[in-house]
Amino acid sequence: LASRQAQLSAKLARELSSTSYVWLKNQNPQNIIYAITDGINNVTIGVIGNFLVVLADGALLILILLTLLVVDPTTALFTFIFFGLIALLLHRVLGRLSSKFGERFSKTAISGRNQMSNLLHAYREIFVFGRMEFFNERFKATRLDNAISFSTSLWIQQLPKFIFEVALVIGAAGLVGYQAIQNSASGGLGVLLIFLTSASRLTPALMRIQTGFLQV
């Protein structure tokens, strides 16, 4: 994919060199630069690459659940519903936030490049008319927004790890409580061991899938 990314960027650059001059003049140069460089990187590694990782972990997840279904159908059903609902809720909430901050990151990155390009092309005019401080403050605000968007996106991608770890403890406690109500200590221990063993493999795969979707 990294090799393909370089090929796509080079191909778009060749297409750009032979495009209509009228069309080119009506475009924002920084949008084009971003699309050919970072945009291609986001499509190949960020989207396709992460989607392939999600498919691989999805296959592992299905295999674990099928094995658990053979060993203990009740525990398998509980595990699937419990972690499935958590994953669905995380996807709806965190996915929306991740898209929001990802869009802000792209827009502020392009805006910052535009501002720096304007400075380099109109340095003399900006200096003569005393607009340098205004430019510096605006550029600082843009870069701050860009940095916050990027760091927040990374922080959001880390949240599933902690949430699934807490859910594992809550799920185990719930099973123990249920077995205690049923007055089946020996049976409860067996169910708990099966749940913890399967969950120790399920949660890493679920976390990678969740993170992969957030990155996409």
Protein backbone atom coordinates (compact mmCIF):
# COMPACT_ATOMS: atom_id res chain seq x y z
CA LEU A 1 0.00 0.00 0.00
CA ALA A 2 2.89 2.38 0.73
CA SER A 3 4.30 1.65 -2.74
CA ARG A 4 0.86 2.11 -4.28
CA GLN A 5 0.49 5.41 -2.45
CA ALA A 6 3.66 6.77 -4.08
CA GLN A 7 2.48 5.58 -7.51
CA LEU A 8 -0.92 7.27 -7.11
CA SER A 9 0.67 10.56 -6.04
CA ALA A 10 3.01 10.48 -9.03
CA LYS A 11 0.12 9.63 -11.38
CA LEU A 12 -1.98 12.54 -10.07
CA ALA A 13 0.99 14.87 -10.44
CA ARG A 14 1.34 13.81 -14.09
CA GLU A 15 -2.39 14.34 -14.64
CA LEU A 16 -2.06 17.79 -13.06
CA SER A 17 0.75 18.76 -15.42
CA SER A 18 -1.50 18.17 -18.44
CA THR A 19 -4.78 19.55 -17.08
CA SER A 20 -6.70 22.60 -18.29
CA TYR A 21 -5.10 25.90 -17.29
CA VAL A 22 -8.53 27.51 -16.83
CA TRP A 23 -9.58 24.76 -14.42
CA LEU A 24 -6.28 24.97 -12.56
CA LYS A 25 -6.55 28.73 -12.02
CA ASN A 26 -9.94 28.29 -10.36
CA GLN A 27 -8.60 25.82 -7.78
CA ASN A 28 -7.11 26.41 -4.36
CA PRO A 29 -3.44 25.36 -4.71
CA GLN A 30 -3.22 24.12 -1.12
CA ASN A 31 -6.27 21.88 -1.60
CA ILE A 32 -4.57 20.27 -4.61
CA ILE A 33 -1.26 19.86 -2.77
CA TYR A 34 -3.01 18.33 0.24
CA ALA A 35 -5.00 15.93 -1.95
CA ILE A 36 -1.95 14.70 -3.88
CA THR A 37 0.23 14.22 -0.78
CA ASP A 38 -1.53 13.74 2.58
CA GLY A 39 -4.88 12.94 0.96
CA ILE A 40 -3.48 9.94 -0.96
CA ASN A 41 -1.72 8.80 2.19
CA ASN A 42 -5.00 8.94 4.14
CA VAL A 43 -6.85 6.97 1.46
CA THR A 44 -4.31 4.15 1.05
CA ILE A 45 -2.81 3.63 4.51
CA GLY A 46 -5.51 5.34 6.59
CA VAL A 47 -8.61 3.85 4.95
CA ILE A 48 -7.69 0.77 2.90
CA GLY A 49 -4.89 -0.35 5.22
CA ASN A 50 -7.01 -0.04 8.35
CA PHE A 51 -9.96 -1.71 6.64
CA LEU A 52 -7.80 -4.77 5.87
CA VAL A 53 -6.75 -4.90 9.54
CA VAL A 54 -10.42 -4.73 10.55
CA LEU A 55 -11.25 -7.62 8.20
CA ALA A 56 -8.45 -9.77 9.65
CA ASP A 57 -9.49 -9.10 13.24
CA GLY A 58 -13.14 -9.61 12.29
CA ALA A 59 -12.31 -13.10 11.00
CA LEU A 60 -10.46 -13.85 14.26
CA LEU A 61 -13.44 -12.57 16.25
CA ILE A 62 -15.88 -14.84 14.41
CA LEU A 63 -13.59 -17.86 14.91
CA ILE A 64 -13.35 -17.24 18.67
CA LEU A 65 -17.12 -16.81 18.98
CA LEU A 66 -17.82 -20.01 17.01
CA THR A 67 -15.40 -21.95 19.23
CA LEU A 68 -17.01 -20.50 22.35
CA LEU A 69 -20.44 -21.38 20.96
CA VAL A 70 -19.42 -25.05 20.79
CA VAL A 71 -17.90 -25.04 24.30
CA ASP A 72 -20.62 -23.06 26.12
CA PRO A 73 -23.53 -21.60 24.08
CA THR A 74 -24.96 -19.58 27.01
CA THR A 75 -21.67 -17.87 27.81
CA ALA A 76 -21.08 -17.31 24.09
CA LEU A 77 -24.44 -15.58 23.73
CA PHE A 78 -23.83 -13.41 26.81
CA THR A 79 -20.32 -12.48 25.62
CA PHE A 80 -21.50 -11.65 22.11
CA ILE A 81 -24.42 -9.47 23.27
CA PHE A 82 -22.44 -7.77 26.07
CA PHE A 83 -19.36 -6.80 24.05
CA GLY A 84 -21.38 -6.26 20.88
CA LEU A 85 -23.57 -3.62 22.51
CA ILE A 86 -20.52 -1.86 23.96
CA ALA A 87 -18.76 -1.88 20.57
CA LEU A 88 -21.88 -0.55 18.82
CA LEU A 89 -22.30 2.25 21.36
CA LEU A 90 -18.62 3.21 21.10
CA HIS A 91 -18.79 3.23 17.31
CA ARG A 92 -21.78 5.55 17.26
CA VAL A 93 -20.41 8.01 19.83
CA LEU A 94 -16.67 7.94 19.17
CA GLY A 95 -17.07 7.54 15.41
CA ARG A 96 -19.02 10.79 15.21
CA LEU A 97 -16.42 12.60 17.31
CA SER A 98 -13.53 11.14 15.34
CA SER A 99 -15.05 12.30 12.03
CA LYS A 100 -15.63 15.77 13.45
CA PHE A 101 -12.06 16.27 14.65
CA GLY A 102 -10.59 14.58 11.58
CA GLU A 103 -12.41 17.08 9.36
CA ARG A 104 -11.20 19.97 11.53
CA PHE A 105 -7.64 18.67 11.32
CA SER A 106 -7.74 18.56 7.49
CA LYS A 107 -9.30 22.00 7.15
CA THR A 108 -6.88 23.67 9.56
CA ALA A 109 -3.92 21.95 7.90
CA ILE A 110 -4.94 23.40 4.53
CA SER A 111 -5.72 26.78 6.08
CA GLY A 112 -2.28 26.92 7.73
CA ARG A 113 -0.58 26.14 4.43
CA ASN A 114 -2.60 28.86 2.73
CA GLN A 115 -1.57 31.40 5.36
CA MET A 116 2.11 30.50 5.10
CA SER A 117 1.93 30.60 1.30
CA ASN A 118 0.35 34.07 1.46
CA LEU A 119 3.14 35.26 3.73
CA LEU A 120 5.86 34.02 1.39
CA HIS A 121 4.21 35.52 -1.70
CA ALA A 122 3.24 38.86 -0.13
CA TYR A 123 5.91 39.30 2.52
CA ARG A 124 6.85 42.80 1.42
CA GLU A 125 3.26 44.10 1.42
CA ILE A 126 2.50 42.52 4.80
CA PHE A 127 5.65 44.03 6.32
CA VAL A 128 5.16 47.51 4.81
CA PHE A 129 1.54 47.80 5.94
CA GLY A 130 2.33 46.54 9.43
CA ARG A 131 0.14 43.44 9.21
CA MET A 132 2.78 40.99 10.43
CA GLU A 133 1.41 40.74 13.98
CA PHE A 134 -2.10 40.12 12.65
CA PHE A 135 -0.75 37.37 10.42
CA ASN A 136 1.23 35.79 13.27
CA GLU A 137 -1.77 35.70 15.61
CA ARG A 138 -4.05 34.22 12.96
CA PHE A 139 -1.46 31.57 12.05
CA LYS A 140 -0.94 30.75 15.74
CA ALA A 141 -4.69 30.25 16.22
CA THR A 142 -4.88 27.99 13.15
CA ARG A 143 -1.97 25.84 14.29
CA LEU A 144 -3.41 25.57 17.80
CA ASP A 145 -6.75 24.40 16.41
CA ASN A 146 -4.89 21.91 14.20
CA ALA A 147 -2.84 20.56 17.11
CA ILE A 148 -5.89 20.19 19.38
CA SER A 149 -7.85 18.41 16.64
CA PHE A 150 -4.98 15.98 16.01
CA SER A 151 -4.31 15.24 19.69
CA THR A 152 -8.04 14.83 20.42
CA SER A 153 -8.36 12.33 17.55
CA LEU A 154 -5.48 10.30 19.00
CA TRP A 155 -7.05 10.48 22.47
CA ILE A 156 -10.39 9.23 21.12
CA GLN A 157 -8.63 6.26 19.51
CA GLN A 158 -7.24 5.24 22.92
CA LEU A 159 -10.61 5.29 24.70
CA PRO A 160 -11.87 1.84 23.53
CA LYS A 161 -8.91 0.15 25.24
CA PHE A 162 -9.85 1.45 28.68
CA ILE A 163 -13.58 1.04 28.15
CA PHE A 164 -13.25 -2.62 27.11
CA GLU A 165 -10.94 -3.33 30.07
CA VAL A 166 -13.55 -1.89 32.46
CA ALA A 167 -16.30 -3.81 30.63
CA LEU A 168 -14.35 -7.05 31.10
CA VAL A 169 -14.35 -6.55 34.88
CA ILE A 170 -18.04 -5.58 34.92
CA GLY A 171 -18.99 -8.58 32.78
CA ALA A 172 -17.07 -10.97 35.01
CA ALA A 173 -18.68 -9.48 38.12
CA GLY A 174 -22.10 -9.80 36.49
CA LEU A 175 -21.56 -13.49 35.74
CA VAL A 176 -20.36 -14.17 39.28
CA GLY A 177 -23.39 -12.36 40.70
CA TYR A 178 -25.76 -14.29 38.44
CA GLN A 179 -24.25 -17.64 39.42
CA ALA A 180 -24.38 -16.65 43.09
CA ILE A 181 -28.11 -15.96 42.75
CA GLN A 182 -28.51 -19.36 41.08
CA ASN A 183 -26.60 -20.96 44.03
CA SER A 184 -24.12 -22.65 41.68
CA ALA A 185 -20.61 -21.86 42.90
CA SER A 186 -18.84 -24.65 40.99
CA GLY A 187 -20.77 -23.92 37.82
CA GLY A 188 -20.13 -20.23 38.25
CA LEU A 189 -16.38 -20.79 38.47
CA GLY A 190 -16.40 -22.77 35.24
CA VAL A 191 -18.47 -20.14 33.41
CA LEU A 192 -16.22 -17.38 34.75
CA LEU A 193 -13.08 -19.16 33.54
CA ILE A 194 -14.58 -19.68 30.08
CA PHE A 195 -15.69 -16.03 29.92
CA LEU A 196 -12.31 -14.64 31.03
CA THR A 197 -10.39 -16.94 28.68
CA SER A 198 -12.50 -16.02 25.66
CA ALA A 199 -12.72 -12.33 26.59
CA SER A 200 -8.92 -12.12 26.90
CA ARG A 201 -8.78 -12.92 23.17
CA LEU A 202 -11.97 -11.14 22.17
CA THR A 203 -11.21 -7.73 23.68
CA PRO A 204 -7.85 -7.15 21.90
CA ALA A 205 -9.48 -7.99 18.55
CA LEU A 206 -12.47 -5.76 19.34
CA MET A 207 -10.16 -2.91 20.38
CA ARG A 208 -8.19 -3.18 17.13
CA ILE A 209 -11.42 -3.24 15.12
CA GLN A 210 -12.77 -0.23 17.01
CA THR A 211 -9.51 1.70 16.59
CA GLY A 212 -9.37 0.75 12.92
CA PHE A 213 -12.86 2.14 12.30
CA LEU A 214 -12.01 5.32 14.18
CA GLN A 215 -8.88 5.83 12.10
CA VAL A 216 -10.86 5.26 8.90
